[in-house]
Amino acid sequence: MVPVDARLTDTPPVATEAGALAIIVVTADVERWRAAAAIAQANAALGRRTALYLHEAATGLLAEDDGAIAGMLEMGVRLVACQTGLAALGLALPPEIEAGGLVSFLAETGEERLIAV
């Protein structure tokens, strides 16, 4: 367990396998996006490895970001955007976000708990 003091520093905790979480955002719904970002940041704040995948149309949320991306990156959350969704929407990928597909995301997930939002 990460001491409370460690979570209050500017440095994200070192991620561990215990409690690892993979989140798939399945729609471009802003409320689901905010919930997914909050869940990802909370899990990462506990020192747990966390990954978030934006599926197809959900990649459009990257263009409407309200600071959630920066918050997740600061906490060490791994962000992956669907290549097909990016191409369909004509979006450029920010350098700090990985492009990938659902199959590769799930293959790299390993033993993490998986939730779809």
Protein backbone atom coordinates (compact mmCIF):
# COMPACT_ATOMS: atom_id res chain seq x y z
CA MET A 1 0.00 0.00 0.00
CA VAL A 2 1.22 3.51 -0.82
CA PRO A 3 1.47 5.84 2.18
CA VAL A 4 -0.88 8.83 2.00
CA ASP A 5 2.12 11.22 2.00
CA ALA A 6 3.45 9.65 -1.23
CA ARG A 7 0.20 10.40 -3.04
CA LEU A 8 0.49 14.10 -2.25
CA THR A 9 3.81 14.65 -4.00
CA ASP A 10 4.37 15.77 -7.58
CA THR A 11 5.81 12.37 -8.47
CA PRO A 12 3.35 9.60 -9.34
CA PRO A 13 3.75 6.44 -7.28
CA VAL A 14 5.52 3.47 -8.83
CA ALA A 15 2.82 1.31 -10.37
CA THR A 16 2.38 -2.22 -9.07
CA GLU A 17 0.64 -5.28 -10.48
CA ALA A 18 -1.66 -5.65 -7.47
CA GLY A 19 -4.93 -3.92 -8.29
CA ALA A 20 -3.92 -3.16 -11.89
CA LEU A 21 -6.83 -1.85 -13.95
CA ALA A 22 -7.61 -1.54 -17.66
CA ILE A 23 -10.47 0.76 -18.68
CA ILE A 24 -12.17 0.82 -22.09
CA VAL A 25 -14.15 3.96 -22.96
CA VAL A 26 -16.75 2.67 -25.42
CA THR A 27 -18.63 5.82 -26.44
CA ALA A 28 -18.00 9.52 -26.96
CA ASP A 29 -20.23 10.36 -23.99
CA VAL A 30 -18.58 13.11 -21.93
CA GLU A 31 -19.98 11.87 -18.61
CA ARG A 32 -18.56 8.39 -19.21
CA TRP A 33 -15.23 9.99 -20.19
CA ARG A 34 -15.12 11.99 -16.93
CA ALA A 35 -15.99 8.89 -14.93
CA ALA A 36 -13.32 6.82 -16.70
CA ALA A 37 -10.72 9.55 -16.11
CA ALA A 38 -11.65 9.80 -12.42
CA ILE A 39 -11.48 6.01 -11.98
CA ALA A 40 -8.12 5.85 -13.78
CA GLN A 41 -6.61 8.65 -11.69
CA ALA A 42 -7.92 7.18 -8.44
CA ASN A 43 -6.47 3.75 -9.24
CA ALA A 44 -3.13 5.28 -10.25
CA ALA A 45 -3.09 7.39 -7.06
CA LEU A 46 -3.15 4.13 -5.12
CA GLY A 47 0.05 3.10 -6.87
CA ARG A 48 -1.64 0.65 -9.18
CA ARG A 49 -0.83 0.16 -12.85
CA THR A 50 -3.63 1.71 -14.92
CA ALA A 51 -4.36 1.82 -18.65
CA LEU A 52 -7.20 3.51 -20.51
CA TYR A 53 -8.29 2.71 -24.08
CA LEU A 54 -10.49 5.04 -26.16
CA HIS A 55 -12.52 2.84 -28.53
CA GLU A 56 -13.58 4.04 -32.01
CA ALA A 57 -15.78 7.18 -31.68
CA ALA A 58 -14.53 7.74 -28.11
CA THR A 59 -11.26 8.97 -29.65
CA GLY A 60 -13.17 12.17 -30.47
CA LEU A 61 -13.00 12.99 -26.77
CA LEU A 62 -9.31 13.77 -27.27
CA ALA A 63 -10.32 16.92 -29.18
CA GLU A 64 -12.66 18.01 -26.37
CA ASP A 65 -10.37 17.27 -23.44
CA ASP A 66 -11.00 19.32 -20.31
CA GLY A 67 -7.66 18.60 -18.66
CA ALA A 68 -8.39 14.95 -17.95
CA ILE A 69 -5.60 13.76 -20.24
CA ALA A 70 -2.96 15.86 -18.48
CA GLY A 71 -4.21 14.65 -15.11
CA MET A 72 -4.04 11.01 -16.12
CA LEU A 73 -0.58 11.39 -17.67
CA GLU A 74 0.70 13.09 -14.50
CA MET A 75 -0.55 10.10 -12.51
CA GLY A 76 1.20 7.63 -14.83
CA VAL A 77 -1.90 6.29 -16.58
CA ARG A 78 -1.13 4.66 -19.94
CA LEU A 79 -3.44 6.11 -22.61
CA VAL A 80 -4.19 4.27 -25.86
CA ALA A 81 -6.42 5.55 -28.69
CA CYS A 82 -8.07 3.34 -31.30
CA GLN A 83 -6.28 3.65 -34.64
CA THR A 84 -9.50 3.10 -36.57
CA GLY A 85 -11.33 5.77 -34.59
CA LEU A 86 -8.51 8.26 -35.09
CA ALA A 87 -8.52 7.65 -38.85
CA ALA A 88 -12.32 7.84 -39.12
CA LEU A 89 -12.42 11.17 -37.31
CA GLY A 90 -9.28 12.54 -38.96
CA LEU A 91 -7.65 13.25 -35.62
CA ALA A 92 -3.94 13.71 -35.02
CA LEU A 93 -2.61 11.80 -32.07
CA PRO A 94 -0.88 13.75 -29.30
CA PRO A 95 2.64 12.34 -28.82
CA GLU A 96 2.03 11.25 -25.22
CA ILE A 97 -0.85 8.96 -26.23
CA GLU A 98 -0.28 5.61 -27.90
CA ALA A 99 -2.15 4.49 -31.01
CA GLY A 100 -3.34 0.92 -30.91
CA GLY A 101 -6.10 -1.54 -31.52
CA LEU A 102 -8.44 -3.31 -29.17
CA VAL A 103 -6.76 -6.69 -29.73
CA SER A 104 -3.30 -5.37 -28.84
CA PHE A 105 -4.69 -3.47 -25.84
CA LEU A 106 -6.34 -6.62 -24.49
CA ALA A 107 -3.25 -8.70 -25.23
CA GLU A 108 -1.11 -6.29 -23.21
CA THR A 109 -3.67 -6.11 -20.40
CA GLY A 110 -2.56 -9.37 -18.84
CA GLU A 111 -4.08 -9.95 -15.42
CA GLU A 112 -5.55 -6.48 -14.91
CA ARG A 113 -9.14 -6.04 -13.96
CA LEU A 114 -11.05 -4.83 -17.01
CA ILE A 115 -13.97 -2.40 -17.00
CA ALA A 116 -15.87 -0.79 -19.87
CA VAL A 117 -17.37 2.64 -19.35
